[in-house]
Amino acid sequence: MERVIIFALVGLAAQLVDGSLGMAYGVTSSTLLLAAGIAPAAASASVHLAEIGTTAVSGFSHWRFGNVDWGVVVRIALPGAIGAFLGATVLTNLSTESATPWMALILLALGIYIISRFVFRRQPTVTLGVRPRTAFLAPLGLFAGFVDATGGGGWGPVATPSLLSTGRLDPRRVIGSVSAAEFAVTVAASLGFITALGTQGVQPSIVLALLVGGVIAAPFAAYLVRRLSLPMLGALVGGVILVTNTRTIIRAFEVEQVWIYVVLAAIWATLLAIAVRKNNELKAEKAAEETSEPAPVAS
């Protein structure tokens, strides 16, 4: 019962992150499951099985609010599903010893990306245009789906910024379309894990706990994003992913040293300091915009 509560808290924390940043449910939950000692393939399988429910609700909600471009969804979802199935097959064929550092390395890279995007960058400016071409969407979906399955997460961090960078879709349609397509990716990854693993290592209690925790957290994520800035959330979440997966990697290669943790702590503290400064700058800019008066109209 104690383990079920812990995994429910993992799902809750992951959904808080995903609801606040618009991504990273799989990255966060897989990181925490690995830290709890769950085997890589079982961790990724559990996360994807739980995500079947969360992505279905998310995709339906975005559709109802008119945030989905079905032309984009069709072109990215099918390659994404193929990539996810292949990724699940690759991960399940690796030994636990080989898969643990590999998965931790992917999660670490995604954590660094989250830090880069939300701590150091501004949101991209989008100029609306024509829909991205299939020649761009298909390889993107294939790669994002593969990373998502092998890393236990990564569909959102790979697909969302790539689509935003094209400048051809409204941000809400990018998020809505990626969320709708993720359902197909999640189902394909889950089928891949079940085909290769069966029920080996996948505990229904973990899947249910992750799902319940995510459902409970959903309404609080909207509240959290109003209280914490994106730079602060990026620094906090990215720091957890950075420290946890670095610890997994150095233990796998038996190079664990105290000074490494000191360096990681210093990096995390620096990230938080940068996030606080950026948060203050954003507040100052917002206050200046609110207090500035419109320019007089020439007569």
C-alpha atoms as a PDB file:
ATOM      1  CA  MET A   1       0.000   0.000   0.000  1.00  0.00           C
ATOM      2  CA  GLU A   2       2.876   2.333   0.794  1.00  0.00           C
ATOM      3  CA  ARG A   3       4.410   1.779  -2.666  1.00  0.00           C
ATOM      4  CA  VAL A   4       1.049   2.459  -4.348  1.00  0.00           C
ATOM      5  CA  ILE A   5       0.795   5.791  -2.532  1.00  0.00           C
ATOM      6  CA  ILE A   6       4.333   6.673  -3.605  1.00  0.00           C
ATOM      7  CA  PHE A   7       3.564   5.921  -7.253  1.00  0.00           C
ATOM      8  CA  ALA A   8       0.334   7.916  -7.035  1.00  0.00           C
ATOM      9  CA  LEU A   9       2.417  10.845  -5.793  1.00  0.00           C
ATOM     10  CA  VAL A  10       4.772  10.276  -8.742  1.00  0.00           C
ATOM     11  CA  GLY A  11       1.815  10.519 -11.131  1.00  0.00           C
ATOM     12  CA  LEU A  12       0.563  13.581  -9.303  1.00  0.00           C
ATOM     13  CA  ALA A  13       3.944  15.319  -9.501  1.00  0.00           C
ATOM     14  CA  ALA A  14       4.370  14.400 -13.173  1.00  0.00           C
ATOM     15  CA  GLN A  15       0.942  15.788 -14.086  1.00  0.00           C
ATOM     16  CA  LEU A  16       1.641  18.993 -12.173  1.00  0.00           C
ATOM     17  CA  VAL A  17       4.778  19.408 -14.253  1.00  0.00           C
ATOM     18  CA  ASP A  18       3.052  18.505 -17.529  1.00  0.00           C
ATOM     19  CA  GLY A  19       0.064  20.744 -16.839  1.00  0.00           C
ATOM     20  CA  SER A  20       2.337  23.659 -15.970  1.00  0.00           C
ATOM     21  CA  LEU A  21       4.985  23.340 -18.700  1.00  0.00           C
ATOM     22  CA  GLY A  22       2.805  21.711 -21.368  1.00  0.00           C
ATOM     23  CA  MET A  23       5.149  18.710 -21.516  1.00  0.00           C
ATOM     24  CA  ALA A  24       7.296  16.289 -19.510  1.00  0.00           C
ATOM     25  CA  TYR A  25       4.742  13.915 -17.924  1.00  0.00           C
ATOM     26  CA  GLY A  26       6.655  10.913 -19.241  1.00  0.00           C
ATOM     27  CA  VAL A  27      10.090  12.400 -18.549  1.00  0.00           C
ATOM     28  CA  THR A  28       9.239  13.246 -14.942  1.00  0.00           C
ATOM     29  CA  SER A  29       7.384  10.048 -14.062  1.00  0.00           C
ATOM     30  CA  SER A  30       9.982   7.802 -15.748  1.00  0.00           C
ATOM     31  CA  THR A  31      12.788   9.577 -13.910  1.00  0.00           C
ATOM     32  CA  LEU A  32      11.065   9.052 -10.558  1.00  0.00           C
ATOM     33  CA  LEU A  33      10.198   5.417 -11.339  1.00  0.00           C
ATOM     34  CA  LEU A  34      13.821   4.678 -12.245  1.00  0.00           C
ATOM     35  CA  ALA A  35      14.913   6.312  -8.993  1.00  0.00           C
ATOM     36  CA  ALA A  36      12.465   4.032  -7.160  1.00  0.00           C
ATOM     37  CA  GLY A  37      14.197   0.969  -8.622  1.00  0.00           C
ATOM     38  CA  ILE A  38      11.736   0.023 -11.381  1.00  0.00           C
ATOM     39  CA  ALA A  39      13.389  -1.649 -14.410  1.00  0.00           C
ATOM     40  CA  PRO A  40      13.645   0.670 -17.466  1.00  0.00           C
ATOM     41  CA  ALA A  41      11.296  -1.274 -19.771  1.00  0.00           C
ATOM     42  CA  ALA A  42       8.744  -1.781 -16.996  1.00  0.00           C
ATOM     43  CA  ALA A  43       8.956   1.906 -16.051  1.00  0.00           C
ATOM     44  CA  SER A  44       8.377   3.093 -19.620  1.00  0.00           C
ATOM     45  CA  ALA A  45       5.597   0.528 -20.144  1.00  0.00           C
ATOM     46  CA  SER A  46       3.840   1.601 -16.938  1.00  0.00           C
ATOM     47  CA  VAL A  47       4.069   5.265 -17.874  1.00  0.00           C
ATOM     48  CA  HIS A  48       2.682   4.675 -21.368  1.00  0.00           C
ATOM     49  CA  LEU A  49      -0.178   2.501 -20.136  1.00  0.00           C
ATOM     50  CA  ALA A  50      -1.152   5.233 -17.667  1.00  0.00           C
ATOM     51  CA  GLU A  51      -0.833   7.843 -20.406  1.00  0.00           C
ATOM     52  CA  ILE A  52      -3.453   6.091 -22.539  1.00  0.00           C
ATOM     53  CA  GLY A  53      -6.048   7.558 -20.190  1.00  0.00           C
ATOM     54  CA  THR A  54      -4.463  10.978 -19.749  1.00  0.00           C
ATOM     55  CA  THR A  55      -3.727  11.511 -23.460  1.00  0.00           C
ATOM     56  CA  ALA A  56      -7.257  10.437 -24.443  1.00  0.00           C
ATOM     57  CA  VAL A  57      -8.766  13.029 -22.114  1.00  0.00           C
ATOM     58  CA  SER A  58      -6.259  15.667 -23.197  1.00  0.00           C
ATOM     59  CA  GLY A  59      -6.779  15.065 -26.919  1.00  0.00           C
ATOM     60  CA  PHE A  60     -10.574  15.108 -26.568  1.00  0.00           C
ATOM     61  CA  SER A  61     -10.462  18.329 -24.572  1.00  0.00           C
ATOM     62  CA  HIS A  62      -8.265  20.065 -27.146  1.00  0.00           C
ATOM     63  CA  TRP A  63     -10.588  18.898 -29.928  1.00  0.00           C
ATOM     64  CA  ARG A  64     -13.624  20.296 -28.126  1.00  0.00           C
ATOM     65  CA  PHE A  65     -11.900  23.664 -27.737  1.00  0.00           C
ATOM     66  CA  GLY A  66     -10.921  23.767 -31.410  1.00  0.00           C
ATOM     67  CA  ASN A  67      -7.185  23.434 -30.800  1.00  0.00           C
ATOM     68  CA  VAL A  68      -6.558  20.495 -33.144  1.00  0.00           C
ATOM     69  CA  ASP A  69      -5.387  20.626 -36.764  1.00  0.00           C
ATOM     70  CA  TRP A  70      -6.321  17.146 -37.944  1.00  0.00           C
ATOM     71  CA  GLY A  71      -4.159  17.451 -41.042  1.00  0.00           C
ATOM     72  CA  VAL A  72      -1.115  17.792 -38.808  1.00  0.00           C
ATOM     73  CA  VAL A  73      -2.328  15.057 -36.459  1.00  0.00           C
ATOM     74  CA  VAL A  74      -2.690  12.489 -39.252  1.00  0.00           C
ATOM     75  CA  ARG A  75       0.733  13.282 -40.711  1.00  0.00           C
ATOM     76  CA  ILE A  76       2.592  13.126 -37.411  1.00  0.00           C
ATOM     77  CA  ALA A  77       0.627  10.493 -35.469  1.00  0.00           C
ATOM     78  CA  LEU A  78       1.146   7.521 -37.816  1.00  0.00           C
ATOM     79  CA  PRO A  79       4.953   7.904 -38.056  1.00  0.00           C
ATOM     80  CA  GLY A  80       4.978   8.629 -34.336  1.00  0.00           C
ATOM     81  CA  ALA A  81       3.153   5.395 -33.612  1.00  0.00           C
ATOM     82  CA  ILE A  82       5.612   3.442 -35.780  1.00  0.00           C
ATOM     83  CA  GLY A  83       8.574   5.046 -34.025  1.00  0.00           C
ATOM     84  CA  ALA A  84       7.072   4.357 -30.602  1.00  0.00           C
ATOM     85  CA  PHE A  85       6.471   0.682 -31.399  1.00  0.00           C
ATOM     86  CA  LEU A  86      10.056   0.320 -32.671  1.00  0.00           C
ATOM     87  CA  GLY A  87      11.403   2.150 -29.619  1.00  0.00           C
ATOM     88  CA  ALA A  88       9.496  -0.119 -27.247  1.00  0.00           C
ATOM     89  CA  THR A  89      10.867  -3.175 -29.048  1.00  0.00           C
ATOM     90  CA  VAL A  90      14.444  -1.874 -28.836  1.00  0.00           C
ATOM     91  CA  LEU A  91      14.172  -1.059 -25.131  1.00  0.00           C
ATOM     92  CA  THR A  92      12.693  -4.428 -24.180  1.00  0.00           C
ATOM     93  CA  ASN A  93      15.495  -6.250 -26.031  1.00  0.00           C
ATOM     94  CA  LEU A  94      18.190  -4.502 -24.013  1.00  0.00           C
ATOM     95  CA  SER A  95      19.362  -5.972 -20.742  1.00  0.00           C
ATOM     96  CA  THR A  96      18.461  -4.034 -17.593  1.00  0.00           C
ATOM     97  CA  GLU A  97      22.129  -3.163 -17.071  1.00  0.00           C
ATOM     98  CA  SER A  98      22.410  -1.715 -20.589  1.00  0.00           C
ATOM     99  CA  ALA A  99      18.988  -0.068 -20.663  1.00  0.00           C
ATOM    100  CA  THR A 100      19.248   1.826 -17.362  1.00  0.00           C
ATOM    101  CA  PRO A 101      22.116   4.194 -18.341  1.00  0.00           C
ATOM    102  CA  TRP A 102      20.734   4.523 -21.892  1.00  0.00           C
ATOM    103  CA  MET A 103      17.311   5.599 -20.652  1.00  0.00           C
ATOM    104  CA  ALA A 104      18.851   7.848 -17.991  1.00  0.00           C
ATOM    105  CA  LEU A 105      20.984   9.508 -20.682  1.00  0.00           C
ATOM    106  CA  ILE A 106      17.912  10.265 -22.838  1.00  0.00           C
ATOM    107  CA  LEU A 107      16.050  11.623 -19.818  1.00  0.00           C
ATOM    108  CA  LEU A 108      19.083  13.716 -18.877  1.00  0.00           C
ATOM    109  CA  ALA A 109      19.181  15.222 -22.381  1.00  0.00           C
ATOM    110  CA  LEU A 110      15.473  16.037 -22.177  1.00  0.00           C
ATOM    111  CA  GLY A 111      15.989  17.582 -18.744  1.00  0.00           C
ATOM    112  CA  ILE A 112      18.737  19.814 -20.156  1.00  0.00           C
ATOM    113  CA  TYR A 113      16.375  20.799 -22.956  1.00  0.00           C
ATOM    114  CA  ILE A 114      13.651  21.748 -20.444  1.00  0.00           C
ATOM    115  CA  ILE A 115      16.172  23.897 -18.546  1.00  0.00           C
ATOM    116  CA  SER A 116      17.338  25.521 -21.789  1.00  0.00           C
ATOM    117  CA  ARG A 117      13.869  26.296 -23.026  1.00  0.00           C
ATOM    118  CA  PHE A 118      12.200  27.560 -19.867  1.00  0.00           C
ATOM    119  CA  VAL A 119      15.124  29.106 -17.972  1.00  0.00           C
ATOM    120  CA  PHE A 120      17.229  30.673 -20.725  1.00  0.00           C
ATOM    121  CA  ARG A 121      14.919  31.251 -23.699  1.00  0.00           C
ATOM    122  CA  ARG A 122      11.922  33.385 -24.408  1.00  0.00           C
ATOM    123  CA  GLN A 123       8.823  31.923 -25.993  1.00  0.00           C
ATOM    124  CA  PRO A 124       9.209  31.863 -29.798  1.00  0.00           C
ATOM    125  CA  THR A 125       7.413  34.387 -31.978  1.00  0.00           C
ATOM    126  CA  VAL A 126       5.046  32.698 -34.400  1.00  0.00           C
ATOM    127  CA  THR A 127       4.040  34.073 -37.792  1.00  0.00           C
ATOM    128  CA  LEU A 128       1.101  32.132 -39.139  1.00  0.00           C
ATOM    129  CA  GLY A 129       1.450  30.547 -42.561  1.00  0.00           C
ATOM    130  CA  VAL A 130       0.750  27.330 -44.386  1.00  0.00           C
ATOM    131  CA  ARG A 131       0.673  23.945 -42.664  1.00  0.00           C
ATOM    132  CA  PRO A 132       4.071  22.194 -42.236  1.00  0.00           C
ATOM    133  CA  ARG A 133       4.758  19.657 -44.982  1.00  0.00           C
ATOM    134  CA  THR A 134       4.585  15.899 -44.649  1.00  0.00           C
ATOM    135  CA  ALA A 135       8.320  15.732 -45.457  1.00  0.00           C
ATOM    136  CA  PHE A 136       8.908  17.555 -42.170  1.00  0.00           C
ATOM    137  CA  LEU A 137       6.127  16.047 -40.055  1.00  0.00           C
ATOM    138  CA  ALA A 138       6.742  12.363 -40.847  1.00  0.00           C
ATOM    139  CA  PRO A 139      10.433  12.197 -39.818  1.00  0.00           C
ATOM    140  CA  LEU A 140       9.666  14.372 -36.798  1.00  0.00           C
ATOM    141  CA  GLY A 141       6.909  12.006 -35.677  1.00  0.00           C
ATOM    142  CA  LEU A 142       9.081   8.929 -36.244  1.00  0.00           C
ATOM    143  CA  PHE A 143      11.975  10.353 -34.218  1.00  0.00           C
ATOM    144  CA  ALA A 144       9.809  11.787 -31.430  1.00  0.00           C
ATOM    145  CA  GLY A 145       7.900   8.502 -31.086  1.00  0.00           C
ATOM    146  CA  PHE A 146      11.125   6.493 -30.899  1.00  0.00           C
ATOM    147  CA  VAL A 147      12.597   8.798 -28.239  1.00  0.00           C
ATOM    148  CA  ASP A 148       9.329   8.724 -26.306  1.00  0.00           C
ATOM    149  CA  ALA A 149       9.320   4.937 -26.002  1.00  0.00           C
ATOM    150  CA  THR A 150      13.034   4.374 -25.393  1.00  0.00           C
ATOM    151  CA  GLY A 151      13.325   7.247 -22.934  1.00  0.00           C
ATOM    152  CA  GLY A 152      10.033   6.748 -21.118  1.00  0.00           C
ATOM    153  CA  GLY A 153       8.949  10.156 -22.382  1.00  0.00           C
ATOM    154  CA  GLY A 154       9.901  12.804 -24.900  1.00  0.00           C
ATOM    155  CA  TRP A 155       7.040  13.150 -27.380  1.00  0.00           C
ATOM    156  CA  GLY A 156       6.134  16.639 -26.177  1.00  0.00           C
ATOM    157  CA  PRO A 157       9.681  17.991 -25.660  1.00  0.00           C
ATOM    158  CA  VAL A 158      10.683  16.871 -29.175  1.00  0.00           C
ATOM    159  CA  ALA A 159       7.504  17.474 -31.208  1.00  0.00           C
ATOM    160  CA  THR A 160       6.124  20.677 -29.670  1.00  0.00           C
ATOM    161  CA  PRO A 161       9.156  22.984 -30.025  1.00  0.00           C
ATOM    162  CA  SER A 162       9.926  21.561 -33.481  1.00  0.00           C
ATOM    163  CA  LEU A 163       6.448  22.496 -34.698  1.00  0.00           C
ATOM    164  CA  LEU A 164       6.588  25.883 -32.993  1.00  0.00           C
ATOM    165  CA  SER A 165       9.913  26.591 -34.687  1.00  0.00           C
ATOM    166  CA  THR A 166       8.290  26.334 -38.132  1.00  0.00           C
ATOM    167  CA  GLY A 167       6.223  29.426 -37.350  1.00  0.00           C
ATOM    168  CA  ARG A 168       3.337  28.032 -39.393  1.00  0.00           C
ATOM    169  CA  LEU A 169       0.857  27.061 -36.690  1.00  0.00           C
ATOM    170  CA  ASP A 170      -0.801  28.954 -33.892  1.00  0.00           C
ATOM    171  CA  PRO A 171       0.772  27.810 -30.578  1.00  0.00           C
ATOM    172  CA  ARG A 172      -2.548  26.525 -29.253  1.00  0.00           C
ATOM    173  CA  ARG A 173      -2.964  24.373 -32.374  1.00  0.00           C
ATOM    174  CA  VAL A 174       0.595  23.082 -31.992  1.00  0.00           C
ATOM    175  CA  ILE A 175      -0.095  21.995 -28.412  1.00  0.00           C
ATOM    176  CA  GLY A 176      -3.540  20.634 -29.255  1.00  0.00           C
ATOM    177  CA  SER A 177      -2.363  18.699 -32.310  1.00  0.00           C
ATOM    178  CA  VAL A 178       0.664  17.224 -30.517  1.00  0.00           C
ATOM    179  CA  SER A 179      -1.561  16.229 -27.591  1.00  0.00           C
ATOM    180  CA  ALA A 180      -4.128  14.579 -29.870  1.00  0.00           C
ATOM    181  CA  ALA A 181      -1.437  12.682 -31.789  1.00  0.00           C
ATOM    182  CA  GLU A 182       0.159  11.514 -28.539  1.00  0.00           C
ATOM    183  CA  PHE A 183      -2.753   9.143 -27.922  1.00  0.00           C
ATOM    184  CA  ALA A 184      -1.789   7.074 -30.989  1.00  0.00           C
ATOM    185  CA  VAL A 185       1.878   7.170 -29.957  1.00  0.00           C
ATOM    186  CA  THR A 186       1.055   6.032 -26.426  1.00  0.00           C
ATOM    187  CA  VAL A 187      -1.161   3.178 -27.622  1.00  0.00           C
ATOM    188  CA  ALA A 188       1.534   1.986 -30.072  1.00  0.00           C
ATOM    189  CA  ALA A 189       4.264   2.117 -27.416  1.00  0.00           C
ATOM    190  CA  SER A 190       2.052   0.208 -24.985  1.00  0.00           C
ATOM    191  CA  LEU A 191       1.331  -2.459 -27.616  1.00  0.00           C
ATOM    192  CA  GLY A 192       5.053  -2.722 -28.295  1.00  0.00           C
ATOM    193  CA  PHE A 193       5.845  -3.261 -24.627  1.00  0.00           C
ATOM    194  CA  ILE A 194       3.010  -5.757 -24.150  1.00  0.00           C
ATOM    195  CA  THR A 195       4.038  -7.680 -27.282  1.00  0.00           C
ATOM    196  CA  ALA A 196       7.648  -7.934 -26.141  1.00  0.00           C
ATOM    197  CA  LEU A 197       7.207  -8.108 -22.378  1.00  0.00           C
ATOM    198  CA  GLY A 198       3.746  -9.518 -21.866  1.00  0.00           C
ATOM    199  CA  THR A 199       2.898  -8.557 -18.318  1.00  0.00           C
ATOM    200  CA  GLN A 200       6.437  -9.148 -17.078  1.00  0.00           C
ATOM    201  CA  GLY A 201       7.501  -6.401 -14.707  1.00  0.00           C
ATOM    202  CA  VAL A 202       4.403  -4.286 -15.343  1.00  0.00           C
ATOM    203  CA  GLN A 203       2.361  -4.008 -12.176  1.00  0.00           C
ATOM    204  CA  PRO A 204      -1.281  -2.890 -12.619  1.00  0.00           C
ATOM    205  CA  SER A 205      -1.116  -1.156  -9.245  1.00  0.00           C
ATOM    206  CA  ILE A 206       1.677   1.127 -10.531  1.00  0.00           C
ATOM    207  CA  VAL A 207      -0.237   1.969 -13.717  1.00  0.00           C
ATOM    208  CA  LEU A 208      -3.435   2.681 -11.786  1.00  0.00           C
ATOM    209  CA  ALA A 209      -1.590   4.755  -9.190  1.00  0.00           C
ATOM    210  CA  LEU A 210       0.087   6.875 -11.886  1.00  0.00           C
ATOM    211  CA  LEU A 211      -3.261   7.396 -13.600  1.00  0.00           C
ATOM    212  CA  VAL A 212      -5.127   8.311 -10.404  1.00  0.00           C
ATOM    213  CA  GLY A 213      -2.365  10.667  -9.306  1.00  0.00           C
ATOM    214  CA  GLY A 214      -2.426  12.373 -12.700  1.00  0.00           C
ATOM    215  CA  VAL A 215      -6.201  12.808 -12.650  1.00  0.00           C
ATOM    216  CA  ILE A 216      -6.100  14.307  -9.157  1.00  0.00           C
ATOM    217  CA  ALA A 217      -3.304  16.708 -10.102  1.00  0.00           C
ATOM    218  CA  ALA A 218      -4.896  18.020 -13.303  1.00  0.00           C
ATOM    219  CA  PRO A 219      -6.946  20.857 -11.761  1.00  0.00           C
ATOM    220  CA  PHE A 220      -4.081  21.914  -9.486  1.00  0.00           C
ATOM    221  CA  ALA A 221      -1.682  22.286 -12.413  1.00  0.00           C
ATOM    222  CA  ALA A 222      -3.661  25.256 -13.710  1.00  0.00           C
ATOM    223  CA  TYR A 223      -3.438  26.863 -10.269  1.00  0.00           C
ATOM    224  CA  LEU A 224       0.291  26.136  -9.992  1.00  0.00           C
ATOM    225  CA  VAL A 225       1.125  27.728 -13.324  1.00  0.00           C
ATOM    226  CA  ARG A 226      -0.480  30.967 -12.101  1.00  0.00           C
ATOM    227  CA  ARG A 227       1.667  30.997  -8.961  1.00  0.00           C
ATOM    228  CA  LEU A 228       5.061  29.885 -10.303  1.00  0.00           C
ATOM    229  CA  SER A 229       6.682  31.364 -13.390  1.00  0.00           C
ATOM    230  CA  LEU A 230       7.815  29.133 -16.234  1.00  0.00           C
ATOM    231  CA  PRO A 231      11.503  29.903 -15.522  1.00  0.00           C
ATOM    232  CA  MET A 232      11.083  28.772 -11.896  1.00  0.00           C
ATOM    233  CA  LEU A 233       9.194  25.631 -12.909  1.00  0.00           C
ATOM    234  CA  GLY A 234      11.817  24.850 -15.551  1.00  0.00           C
ATOM    235  CA  ALA A 235      14.658  25.254 -13.055  1.00  0.00           C
ATOM    236  CA  LEU A 236      12.949  23.151 -10.371  1.00  0.00           C
ATOM    237  CA  VAL A 237      11.851  20.318 -12.657  1.00  0.00           C
ATOM    238  CA  GLY A 238      14.970  20.380 -14.828  1.00  0.00           C
ATOM    239  CA  GLY A 239      17.131  20.279 -11.709  1.00  0.00           C
ATOM    240  CA  VAL A 240      15.359  17.175 -10.393  1.00  0.00           C
ATOM    241  CA  ILE A 241      15.798  15.415 -13.751  1.00  0.00           C
ATOM    242  CA  LEU A 242      19.438  16.530 -13.999  1.00  0.00           C
ATOM    243  CA  VAL A 243      20.457  15.331 -10.531  1.00  0.00           C
ATOM    244  CA  THR A 244      18.457  12.091 -10.535  1.00  0.00           C
ATOM    245  CA  ASN A 245      19.567  10.821 -13.944  1.00  0.00           C
ATOM    246  CA  THR A 246      23.193  11.873 -13.473  1.00  0.00           C
ATOM    247  CA  ARG A 247      23.159   9.831 -10.268  1.00  0.00           C
ATOM    248  CA  THR A 248      21.805   6.824 -12.195  1.00  0.00           C
ATOM    249  CA  ILE A 249      24.502   7.158 -14.879  1.00  0.00           C
ATOM    250  CA  ILE A 250      27.483   7.537 -12.536  1.00  0.00           C
ATOM    251  CA  ARG A 251      26.291   4.588 -10.456  1.00  0.00           C
ATOM    252  CA  ALA A 252      25.925   2.462 -13.579  1.00  0.00           C
ATOM    253  CA  PHE A 253      29.550   3.190 -14.508  1.00  0.00           C
ATOM    254  CA  GLU A 254      30.720   2.962 -10.874  1.00  0.00           C
ATOM    255  CA  VAL A 255      32.293   6.432 -10.818  1.00  0.00           C
ATOM    256  CA  GLU A 256      30.246   7.853  -7.966  1.00  0.00           C
ATOM    257  CA  GLN A 257      32.123  10.598  -6.116  1.00  0.00           C
ATOM    258  CA  VAL A 258      30.984  13.158  -3.523  1.00  0.00           C
ATOM    259  CA  TRP A 259      32.377  16.075  -5.540  1.00  0.00           C
ATOM    260  CA  ILE A 260      30.031  15.230  -8.424  1.00  0.00           C
ATOM    261  CA  TYR A 261      27.016  15.816  -6.177  1.00  0.00           C
ATOM    262  CA  VAL A 262      28.564  19.064  -4.938  1.00  0.00           C
ATOM    263  CA  VAL A 263      28.919  20.252  -8.535  1.00  0.00           C
ATOM    264  CA  LEU A 264      25.335  19.203  -9.342  1.00  0.00           C
ATOM    265  CA  ALA A 265      24.046  21.065  -6.278  1.00  0.00           C
ATOM    266  CA  ALA A 266      25.977  24.177  -7.340  1.00  0.00           C
ATOM    267  CA  ILE A 267      24.557  23.936 -10.885  1.00  0.00           C
ATOM    268  CA  TRP A 268      21.013  23.566  -9.564  1.00  0.00           C
ATOM    269  CA  ALA A 269      21.439  26.531  -7.203  1.00  0.00           C
ATOM    270  CA  THR A 270      22.780  28.625 -10.088  1.00  0.00           C
ATOM    271  CA  LEU A 271      19.808  27.663 -12.274  1.00  0.00           C
ATOM    272  CA  LEU A 272      17.388  28.681  -9.531  1.00  0.00           C
ATOM    273  CA  ALA A 273      19.197  32.009  -9.091  1.00  0.00           C
ATOM    274  CA  ILE A 274      18.998  32.662 -12.851  1.00  0.00           C
ATOM    275  CA  ALA A 275      15.304  31.714 -12.845  1.00  0.00           C
ATOM    276  CA  VAL A 276      14.587  34.093  -9.945  1.00  0.00           C
ATOM    277  CA  ARG A 277      16.377  36.921 -11.755  1.00  0.00           C
ATOM    278  CA  LYS A 278      14.534  36.217 -14.997  1.00  0.00           C
ATOM    279  CA  ASN A 279      11.248  36.023 -13.106  1.00  0.00           C
ATOM    280  CA  ASN A 280      11.913  39.454 -11.583  1.00  0.00           C
ATOM    281  CA  GLU A 281      12.760  40.841 -15.020  1.00  0.00           C
ATOM    282  CA  LEU A 282       9.513  39.476 -16.452  1.00  0.00           C
ATOM    283  CA  LYS A 283       7.542  41.009 -13.574  1.00  0.00           C
ATOM    284  CA  ALA A 284       9.249  44.360 -14.145  1.00  0.00           C
ATOM    285  CA  GLU A 285       8.487  44.244 -17.868  1.00  0.00           C
ATOM    286  CA  LYS A 286       4.855  43.384 -17.185  1.00  0.00           C
ATOM    287  CA  ALA A 287       4.529  46.180 -14.630  1.00  0.00           C
ATOM    288  CA  ALA A 288       6.080  48.652 -17.089  1.00  0.00           C
ATOM    289  CA  GLU A 289       3.610  47.611 -19.786  1.00  0.00           C
ATOM    290  CA  GLU A 290       0.661  48.007 -17.430  1.00  0.00           C
ATOM    291  CA  THR A 291       1.721  51.465 -16.220  1.00  0.00           C
ATOM    292  CA  SER A 292       2.764  52.864 -19.589  1.00  0.00           C
ATOM    293  CA  GLU A 293       0.262  55.264 -21.153  1.00  0.00           C
ATOM    294  CA  PRO A 294      -0.696  55.077 -24.845  1.00  0.00           C
ATOM    295  CA  ALA A 295       0.987  57.571 -27.112  1.00  0.00           C
ATOM    296  CA  PRO A 296      -1.130  60.665 -27.913  1.00  0.00           C
ATOM    297  CA  VAL A 297      -2.865  60.664 -31.268  1.00  0.00           C
ATOM    298  CA  ALA A 298      -1.751  63.427 -33.578  1.00  0.00           C
ATOM    299  CA  SER A 299      -4.534  65.793 -34.554  1.00  0.00           C
END
